[in-house]
Each structure stands twice: as structure tokens, then as C-alpha cells.
Amino acid sequence: MAKVRITQVRSIIGVTKRQRTTLQTLGLRRIRQTVELEATSSVLGAIRKVDHLVQVVEL
């Protein structure tokens, strides 16, 4: 599987509770925090839900 590097670039202030939970599921807690995850279908779906808050780079 390919990997993706996900970086939170926007604040969670003003977003819905569901989007906050999705960011926590991805392992993101603060702005400019970066995680590397396997590009599974569940991870890609979660990224789509919060794509306006994160930056994604395929590795």
C-alpha cells in the first residue's frame, strides 16, 4: 500500500464535532502536526471529510 503524509493546516475552531472526531481519528491534534498513514480506503474517506483542514502529500 502507498502511504500519505497528512498535515493539519487549519484550526478546528468553528468546525462540527464530527469533523473534530475525524481529525482525532487521523491522529491530528494541533496545527502543523504531521502524521504518515497507509492509504487505505477508510483513511482516504476520512481525509475527504476534512480536506479543507488538512494538506495531503502522497509518498
Protein backbone atom coordinates (compact mmCIF):
# COMPACT_ATOMS: atom_id res chain seq x y z
CA MET A 1 0.00 0.00 0.00
CA ALA A 2 1.04 3.57 -0.57
CA LYS A 3 1.49 5.99 2.27
CA VAL A 4 0.19 9.53 2.70
CA ARG A 5 1.55 12.36 4.80
CA ILE A 6 -1.25 14.40 6.37
CA THR A 7 -0.65 17.81 7.94
CA GLN A 8 -3.28 19.85 9.75
CA VAL A 9 -3.14 23.39 8.37
CA ARG A 10 -6.33 24.98 9.71
CA SER A 11 -7.85 25.34 13.15
CA ILE A 12 -10.74 23.21 14.38
CA ILE A 13 -12.47 26.25 15.88
CA GLY A 14 -15.90 26.52 14.31
CA VAL A 15 -15.97 23.06 12.71
CA THR A 16 -18.52 20.40 13.53
CA LYS A 17 -17.98 17.80 16.23
CA ARG A 18 -17.93 15.10 13.55
CA GLN A 19 -15.02 16.81 11.77
CA ARG A 20 -13.13 17.15 15.08
CA THR A 21 -13.60 13.45 15.70
CA THR A 22 -12.37 12.65 12.20
CA LEU A 23 -9.17 14.65 12.79
CA GLN A 24 -8.61 12.81 16.07
CA THR A 25 -9.13 9.51 14.26
CA LEU A 26 -6.42 10.51 11.80
CA GLY A 27 -4.12 11.26 14.75
CA LEU A 28 -4.09 15.04 14.40
CA ARG A 29 -4.37 17.26 17.47
CA ARG A 30 -2.88 20.63 16.54
CA ILE A 31 -1.99 22.86 13.61
CA ARG A 32 1.19 21.85 11.71
CA GLN A 33 1.15 18.37 13.22
CA THR A 34 2.01 15.73 10.62
CA VAL A 35 1.25 12.01 10.53
CA GLU A 36 2.06 9.32 7.97
CA LEU A 37 -0.60 6.67 7.39
CA GLU A 38 -1.26 3.84 4.96
CA ALA A 39 -3.55 4.98 2.14
CA THR A 40 -6.44 2.62 2.90
CA SER A 41 -9.97 3.33 1.76
CA SER A 42 -11.06 4.29 5.29
CA VAL A 43 -8.19 6.76 5.69
CA LEU A 44 -8.84 8.30 2.27
CA GLY A 45 -12.53 8.67 3.14
CA ALA A 46 -11.65 10.42 6.39
CA ILE A 47 -9.30 12.76 4.52
CA ARG A 48 -12.11 13.67 2.11
CA LYS A 49 -14.32 14.67 5.05
CA VAL A 50 -11.75 17.17 6.37
CA ASP A 51 -9.88 18.11 3.20
CA HIS A 52 -10.43 21.82 3.90
CA LEU A 53 -8.46 21.47 7.18
CA VAL A 54 -5.53 19.33 6.06
CA GLN A 55 -2.80 19.11 3.44
CA VAL A 56 -2.08 15.70 1.93
CA VAL A 57 1.10 14.50 0.20
CA GLU A 58 1.34 11.04 -1.35
CA LEU A 59 4.58 9.25 -0.59
